[in-house]
């Protein structure tokens, strides 16, 4: 893959991670805003690995809250974020 295409691909992944993660967090906050305290700090770097690690930590927090995880709006966004991460890893 040429350098420019690779750079654009990385930027697209970063943007996709951010957007999907944000939608999941917003869905959770609508149900239980106190969970904000349980989520990890957002990464300050633009490294894809840091963004993926952050997304995985957010997923762990949501999955550790069974009463939140089963709500359809949250479950859908959770599954989409997992798919985005899986697509990136492939």
C-alpha atoms as a PDB file:
ATOM      1  CA  UNK A   1       0.000   0.000   0.000  1.00  0.00           C
ATOM      2  CA  UNK A   2       1.483   3.369  -0.958  1.00  0.00           C
ATOM      3  CA  UNK A   3       2.409   5.676   1.897  1.00  0.00           C
ATOM      4  CA  UNK A   4      -0.400   8.196   1.255  1.00  0.00           C
ATOM      5  CA  UNK A   5      -3.072   5.480   1.141  1.00  0.00           C
ATOM      6  CA  UNK A   6      -1.717   3.966   4.341  1.00  0.00           C
ATOM      7  CA  UNK A   7      -1.812   7.363   6.069  1.00  0.00           C
ATOM      8  CA  UNK A   8      -5.415   7.960   4.939  1.00  0.00           C
ATOM      9  CA  UNK A   9      -6.374   4.459   6.080  1.00  0.00           C
ATOM     10  CA  UNK A  10      -4.922   5.078   9.540  1.00  0.00           C
ATOM     11  CA  UNK A  11      -6.749   8.415   9.816  1.00  0.00           C
ATOM     12  CA  UNK A  12      -9.998   6.703   8.807  1.00  0.00           C
ATOM     13  CA  UNK A  13      -9.506   4.038  11.477  1.00  0.00           C
ATOM     14  CA  UNK A  14      -8.802   6.675  14.125  1.00  0.00           C
ATOM     15  CA  UNK A  15     -11.899   8.631  13.168  1.00  0.00           C
ATOM     16  CA  UNK A  16     -14.018   5.482  13.094  1.00  0.00           C
ATOM     17  CA  UNK A  17     -12.771   4.357  16.527  1.00  0.00           C
ATOM     18  CA  UNK A  18     -13.504   7.791  17.964  1.00  0.00           C
ATOM     19  CA  UNK A  19     -16.996   8.033  16.454  1.00  0.00           C
ATOM     20  CA  UNK A  20     -18.100   4.518  17.449  1.00  0.00           C
ATOM     21  CA  UNK A  21     -16.639   4.865  20.921  1.00  0.00           C
ATOM     22  CA  UNK A  22     -18.335   8.225  21.423  1.00  0.00           C
ATOM     23  CA  UNK A  23     -21.723   6.817  20.377  1.00  0.00           C
ATOM     24  CA  UNK A  24     -21.355   3.928  22.806  1.00  0.00           C
ATOM     25  CA  UNK A  25     -20.379   6.204  25.696  1.00  0.00           C
ATOM     26  CA  UNK A  26     -23.306   8.559  24.969  1.00  0.00           C
ATOM     27  CA  UNK A  27     -25.744   5.645  24.966  1.00  0.00           C
ATOM     28  CA  UNK A  28     -24.364   4.510  28.332  1.00  0.00           C
ATOM     29  CA  UNK A  29     -24.491   8.030  29.809  1.00  0.00           C
ATOM     30  CA  UNK A  30     -28.172   8.340  28.903  1.00  0.00           C
ATOM     31  CA  UNK A  31     -28.853   5.341  31.126  1.00  0.00           C
ATOM     32  CA  UNK A  32     -26.318   5.830  33.904  1.00  0.00           C
ATOM     33  CA  UNK A  33     -24.191   8.973  33.901  1.00  0.00           C
ATOM     34  CA  UNK A  34     -22.269   7.801  36.963  1.00  0.00           C
ATOM     35  CA  UNK A  35     -20.410   5.327  34.756  1.00  0.00           C
ATOM     36  CA  UNK A  36     -18.337   8.241  33.423  1.00  0.00           C
ATOM     37  CA  UNK A  37     -16.103   7.725  36.438  1.00  0.00           C
ATOM     38  CA  UNK A  38     -15.461   4.082  35.513  1.00  0.00           C
ATOM     39  CA  UNK A  39     -14.367   4.771  31.950  1.00  0.00           C
ATOM     40  CA  UNK A  40     -10.628   5.125  31.324  1.00  0.00           C
ATOM     41  CA  UNK A  41      -9.036   8.444  30.444  1.00  0.00           C
ATOM     42  CA  UNK A  42      -9.085   9.210  26.747  1.00  0.00           C
ATOM     43  CA  UNK A  43      -5.706   8.705  25.074  1.00  0.00           C
ATOM     44  CA  UNK A  44      -3.747  11.837  24.326  1.00  0.00           C
ATOM     45  CA  UNK A  45      -1.807  10.334  21.429  1.00  0.00           C
ATOM     46  CA  UNK A  46      -3.048   9.646  17.933  1.00  0.00           C
ATOM     47  CA  UNK A  47      -1.480   6.207  17.855  1.00  0.00           C
ATOM     48  CA  UNK A  48      -3.873   3.588  16.548  1.00  0.00           C
ATOM     49  CA  UNK A  49      -2.729   1.103  19.212  1.00  0.00           C
ATOM     50  CA  UNK A  50      -3.597   3.575  21.985  1.00  0.00           C
ATOM     51  CA  UNK A  51      -7.046   4.182  20.474  1.00  0.00           C
ATOM     52  CA  UNK A  52      -7.701   0.441  20.146  1.00  0.00           C
ATOM     53  CA  UNK A  53      -6.570  -0.162  23.736  1.00  0.00           C
ATOM     54  CA  UNK A  54      -8.871   2.622  24.922  1.00  0.00           C
ATOM     55  CA  UNK A  55     -11.812   1.177  23.001  1.00  0.00           C
ATOM     56  CA  UNK A  56     -11.134  -2.255  24.490  1.00  0.00           C
ATOM     57  CA  UNK A  57     -11.104  -0.751  27.988  1.00  0.00           C
ATOM     58  CA  UNK A  58     -14.418   1.000  27.332  1.00  0.00           C
ATOM     59  CA  UNK A  59     -15.871  -2.301  26.098  1.00  0.00           C
ATOM     60  CA  UNK A  60     -14.691  -4.016  29.294  1.00  0.00           C
ATOM     61  CA  UNK A  61     -16.382  -1.376  31.459  1.00  0.00           C
ATOM     62  CA  UNK A  62     -19.667  -1.723  29.576  1.00  0.00           C
ATOM     63  CA  UNK A  63     -19.538  -5.521  29.679  1.00  0.00           C
ATOM     64  CA  UNK A  64     -18.887  -5.404  33.419  1.00  0.00           C
ATOM     65  CA  UNK A  65     -22.281  -3.714  33.848  1.00  0.00           C
ATOM     66  CA  UNK A  66     -24.830  -6.404  32.878  1.00  0.00           C
ATOM     67  CA  UNK A  67     -27.802  -4.099  33.523  1.00  0.00           C
ATOM     68  CA  UNK A  68     -26.383  -1.649  30.956  1.00  0.00           C
ATOM     69  CA  UNK A  69     -24.995  -4.103  28.431  1.00  0.00           C
ATOM     70  CA  UNK A  70     -28.367  -5.752  27.733  1.00  0.00           C
ATOM     71  CA  UNK A  71     -30.151  -2.529  26.767  1.00  0.00           C
ATOM     72  CA  UNK A  72     -30.696  -2.690  22.985  1.00  0.00           C
ATOM     73  CA  UNK A  73     -29.321   0.804  22.196  1.00  0.00           C
ATOM     74  CA  UNK A  74     -26.140   0.036  24.147  1.00  0.00           C
ATOM     75  CA  UNK A  75     -25.821  -3.545  22.895  1.00  0.00           C
ATOM     76  CA  UNK A  76     -26.029  -2.403  19.265  1.00  0.00           C
ATOM     77  CA  UNK A  77     -23.340   0.253  19.679  1.00  0.00           C
ATOM     78  CA  UNK A  78     -21.173  -2.135  21.669  1.00  0.00           C
ATOM     79  CA  UNK A  79     -21.351  -4.737  18.892  1.00  0.00           C
ATOM     80  CA  UNK A  80     -20.557  -2.138  16.211  1.00  0.00           C
ATOM     81  CA  UNK A  81     -17.483  -0.960  18.129  1.00  0.00           C
ATOM     82  CA  UNK A  82     -16.325  -4.572  18.520  1.00  0.00           C
ATOM     83  CA  UNK A  83     -16.770  -5.116  14.770  1.00  0.00           C
ATOM     84  CA  UNK A  84     -14.750  -1.984  13.951  1.00  0.00           C
ATOM     85  CA  UNK A  85     -11.912  -3.238  16.149  1.00  0.00           C
ATOM     86  CA  UNK A  86     -12.057  -6.724  14.606  1.00  0.00           C
ATOM     87  CA  UNK A  87     -12.025  -5.248  11.093  1.00  0.00           C
ATOM     88  CA  UNK A  88      -8.959  -3.200  11.991  1.00  0.00           C
ATOM     89  CA  UNK A  89      -7.127  -6.224  13.415  1.00  0.00           C
ATOM     90  CA  UNK A  90      -7.695  -8.194  10.217  1.00  0.00           C
END
